Amino acid sequence: TEILADDYELDDIEKAIDDVMQKYEKEKLLYISNTDELTRCFNRHAYEERINNLDLREEWIYISMDLNNLKHTNDSLGHAAGDELICAAADCMRESFGNYGNVYRIGGDEFVVIITGNTKEFQSIIESFDRSVAQWHGKLVDSMTISWGYVFSSEKEWDNIYDIAKEADERMYKNKERYYQERNIVRRR
């Protein structure tokens, strides 16, 4: 009976290990399917899932963000320098907004932040983000700038989340245009 008891315990241990491994594999697949490989931000798949679950009756903030001069950096310093900028931008975003919401990389240098917590503190949060970006210096690139536009879900009665996203994009592009005009930069498309 001693051997049977040991076999029984061994079977329980093996089953527990199998359960843990299956759970780990599921979590790993979920992480991979929702995470951008380069920046470790949430990816477009996670973004689409999130925006489809936002409630227009609750207050949250949608921020559209885009790096300035990424094409010029890629063309003049190479894609490793461009990747450095993209990763640095993601790091600054996660550092500034991570405690209040999620950061999504939805395209090359296009990011969206959705803030669901402490929306009343937004002004100080965005100022902290701007300081973080202004203070950044990389190994391949000396500095970076990011244009952004934001919309509070409570600004008006919106028909859908896509109207909010579109408005945030428009505000971001106005910010980006100001950036290029102030620096007398002719923008290539």
Protein backbone atom coordinates (compact mmCIF):
# COMPACT_ATOMS: atom_id res chain seq x y z
CA THR A 1 0.00 0.00 0.00
CA GLU A 2 2.96 2.30 0.48
CA ILE A 3 3.78 2.07 -3.22
CA LEU A 4 0.18 2.82 -4.17
CA ALA A 5 0.13 5.92 -1.95
CA ASP A 6 3.37 7.17 -3.54
CA ASP A 7 1.97 6.51 -7.04
CA TYR A 8 -1.21 8.37 -6.12
CA GLU A 9 0.77 11.40 -4.87
CA LEU A 10 2.95 11.30 -7.98
CA ASP A 11 -0.16 11.32 -10.21
CA ASP A 12 -1.50 14.35 -8.31
CA ILE A 13 1.81 16.17 -8.67
CA GLU A 14 1.99 15.41 -12.40
CA LYS A 15 -1.59 16.60 -12.89
CA ALA A 16 -0.86 19.80 -10.96
CA ILE A 17 2.23 20.42 -13.10
CA ASP A 18 0.20 19.82 -16.28
CA ASP A 19 -2.47 22.27 -15.07
CA VAL A 20 0.14 24.93 -14.32
CA MET A 21 1.81 24.41 -17.71
CA GLN A 22 -1.51 24.66 -19.56
CA LYS A 23 -2.37 27.85 -17.70
CA TYR A 24 1.08 29.26 -18.49
CA GLU A 25 0.73 28.42 -22.20
CA LYS A 26 -2.71 30.08 -22.36
CA GLU A 27 -1.40 33.22 -20.67
CA LYS A 28 1.64 33.24 -22.95
CA LEU A 29 -0.57 33.00 -26.05
CA LEU A 30 -2.85 35.74 -24.75
CA TYR A 31 0.16 37.98 -24.07
CA ILE A 32 1.63 37.33 -27.52
CA SER A 33 -1.67 37.92 -29.30
CA ASN A 34 -2.24 41.26 -27.53
CA THR A 35 1.29 42.69 -27.31
CA ASP A 36 3.35 44.59 -29.85
CA GLU A 37 6.68 42.78 -30.15
CA LEU A 38 8.87 45.88 -30.56
CA THR A 39 7.42 48.16 -27.88
CA ARG A 40 5.74 45.73 -25.46
CA CYS A 41 2.65 47.97 -25.62
CA PHE A 42 -0.75 46.53 -26.35
CA ASN A 43 -1.19 45.95 -30.09
CA ARG A 44 -3.93 46.81 -32.56
CA HIS A 45 -5.82 43.59 -31.78
CA ALA A 46 -6.00 44.54 -28.08
CA TYR A 47 -6.95 48.10 -29.06
CA GLU A 48 -9.88 46.96 -31.20
CA GLU A 49 -11.09 44.70 -28.42
CA ARG A 50 -10.81 47.53 -25.87
CA ILE A 51 -12.59 50.23 -27.85
CA ASN A 52 -15.46 47.88 -28.56
CA ASN A 53 -15.98 47.58 -24.81
CA LEU A 54 -15.79 51.26 -23.85
CA ASP A 55 -18.94 52.81 -22.45
CA LEU A 56 -19.82 56.23 -23.90
CA ARG A 57 -21.77 57.03 -20.71
CA GLU A 58 -18.61 56.81 -18.58
CA GLU A 59 -15.80 59.36 -18.50
CA TRP A 60 -12.51 58.38 -20.09
CA ILE A 61 -9.94 60.05 -22.32
CA TYR A 62 -8.81 59.01 -25.78
CA ILE A 63 -5.35 60.28 -26.80
CA SER A 64 -4.05 59.91 -30.34
CA MET A 65 -0.23 60.17 -30.56
CA ASP A 66 2.29 60.20 -33.37
CA LEU A 67 6.05 60.73 -33.51
CA ASN A 68 7.31 63.77 -35.37
CA ASN A 69 10.02 63.37 -38.04
CA LEU A 70 10.21 59.57 -37.88
CA LYS A 71 10.53 59.26 -41.66
CA HIS A 72 13.41 61.76 -41.66
CA THR A 73 15.12 59.80 -38.86
CA ASN A 74 14.70 56.50 -40.70
CA ASP A 75 15.98 58.02 -43.95
CA SER A 76 18.97 59.84 -42.45
CA LEU A 77 20.02 57.64 -39.51
CA GLY A 78 18.54 54.26 -40.37
CA HIS A 79 15.72 52.08 -39.11
CA ALA A 80 17.57 51.17 -35.90
CA ALA A 81 17.38 54.86 -34.96
CA GLY A 82 13.69 54.91 -35.90
CA ASP A 83 13.08 51.85 -33.75
CA GLU A 84 14.90 53.56 -30.89
CA LEU A 85 12.48 56.49 -31.18
CA ILE A 86 9.42 54.23 -31.36
CA CYS A 87 10.55 52.29 -28.28
CA ALA A 88 11.45 55.46 -26.39
CA ALA A 89 8.05 56.97 -27.16
CA ALA A 90 6.36 53.79 -25.91
CA ASP A 91 8.44 53.85 -22.73
CA CYS A 92 7.54 57.49 -22.03
CA MET A 93 3.87 56.74 -22.66
CA ARG A 94 3.81 53.69 -20.39
CA GLU A 95 5.69 55.57 -17.68
CA SER A 96 3.34 58.56 -17.82
CA PHE A 97 -0.01 56.91 -18.52
CA GLY A 98 0.42 53.31 -17.34
CA ASN A 99 -1.12 53.90 -13.91
CA TYR A 100 -4.20 55.53 -15.45
CA GLY A 101 -4.93 53.46 -18.53
CA ASN A 102 -3.43 51.52 -21.43
CA VAL A 103 -1.04 52.33 -24.25
CA TYR A 104 -1.62 50.78 -27.69
CA ARG A 105 0.65 50.79 -30.72
CA ILE A 106 -1.83 50.71 -33.57
CA GLY A 107 0.56 51.34 -36.48
CA GLY A 108 4.18 52.25 -37.28
CA ASP A 109 4.57 55.32 -35.06
CA GLU A 110 0.89 55.69 -34.21
CA PHE A 111 -0.17 55.18 -30.62
CA VAL A 112 -3.41 55.49 -28.72
CA VAL A 113 -3.72 55.92 -24.98
CA ILE A 114 -7.03 55.29 -23.26
CA ILE A 115 -7.16 56.73 -19.77
CA THR A 116 -9.92 55.39 -17.56
CA GLY A 117 -8.60 56.37 -14.13
CA ASN A 118 -7.98 59.80 -12.55
CA THR A 119 -9.29 61.76 -15.53
CA LYS A 120 -9.45 64.85 -13.30
CA GLU A 121 -5.64 64.79 -13.08
CA PHE A 122 -5.20 64.69 -16.84
CA GLN A 123 -3.51 68.08 -17.18
CA SER A 124 -0.71 67.16 -14.78
CA ILE A 125 -0.39 63.70 -16.37
CA ILE A 126 0.04 65.12 -19.89
CA GLU A 127 2.49 67.76 -18.63
CA SER A 128 4.54 65.01 -17.00
CA PHE A 129 4.50 63.12 -20.29
CA ASP A 130 5.69 66.19 -22.23
CA ARG A 131 8.56 66.68 -19.73
CA SER A 132 9.54 63.03 -20.05
CA VAL A 133 9.66 63.28 -23.85
CA ALA A 134 11.60 66.58 -23.75
CA GLN A 135 14.22 65.12 -21.37
CA TRP A 136 14.79 61.93 -23.36
CA HIS A 137 18.13 61.34 -25.11
CA GLY A 138 19.01 58.13 -26.93
CA LYS A 139 22.11 56.39 -28.16
CA LEU A 140 21.38 56.87 -31.87
CA VAL A 141 19.04 59.86 -31.74
CA ASP A 142 19.51 62.89 -29.52
CA SER A 143 15.87 63.88 -28.96
CA MET A 144 12.27 63.22 -29.95
CA THR A 145 8.97 65.04 -30.15
CA ILE A 146 5.48 63.60 -30.17
CA SER A 147 2.28 65.24 -31.37
CA TRP A 148 -0.92 64.35 -29.58
CA GLY A 149 -4.60 65.16 -29.54
CA TYR A 150 -7.07 64.12 -26.88
CA VAL A 151 -10.79 63.90 -26.40
CA PHE A 152 -12.77 63.45 -23.20
CA SER A 153 -15.68 61.09 -23.71
CA SER A 154 -17.77 63.55 -21.69
CA GLU A 155 -17.16 66.53 -24.03
CA LYS A 156 -20.48 65.94 -25.77
CA GLU A 157 -22.84 63.13 -26.68
CA TRP A 158 -20.94 61.02 -29.18
CA ASP A 159 -22.62 58.66 -31.60
CA ASN A 160 -19.82 56.10 -31.30
CA ILE A 161 -16.20 55.54 -30.29
CA TYR A 162 -15.00 56.06 -33.86
CA ASP A 163 -16.20 59.68 -33.78
CA ILE A 164 -14.07 60.21 -30.67
CA ALA A 165 -11.07 58.55 -32.33
CA LYS A 166 -11.51 60.68 -35.45
CA GLU A 167 -11.72 63.89 -33.41
CA ALA A 168 -8.60 62.96 -31.42
CA ASP A 169 -6.75 62.25 -34.69
CA GLU A 170 -7.81 65.62 -36.12
CA ARG A 171 -6.55 67.40 -33.00
CA MET A 172 -3.28 65.46 -33.13
CA TYR A 173 -2.75 66.37 -36.81
CA LYS A 174 -3.36 70.06 -36.03
CA ASN A 175 -0.75 69.79 -33.26
CA LYS A 176 1.64 68.07 -35.71
CA GLU A 177 1.06 70.75 -38.37
CA ARG A 178 1.85 73.47 -35.79
CA TYR A 179 5.06 71.63 -34.90
CA TYR A 180 6.21 71.59 -38.55
CA GLN A 181 5.17 75.21 -39.21
CA GLU A 182 6.98 76.51 -36.11
CA ARG A 183 10.17 74.78 -37.24
CA ASN A 184 9.79 75.67 -40.92
CA ILE A 185 9.90 72.01 -41.90
CA VAL A 186 8.39 70.97 -45.22
CA ARG A 187 6.61 67.75 -44.54
CA ARG A 188 6.94 64.87 -46.94
CA ARG A 189 4.06 62.46 -47.16
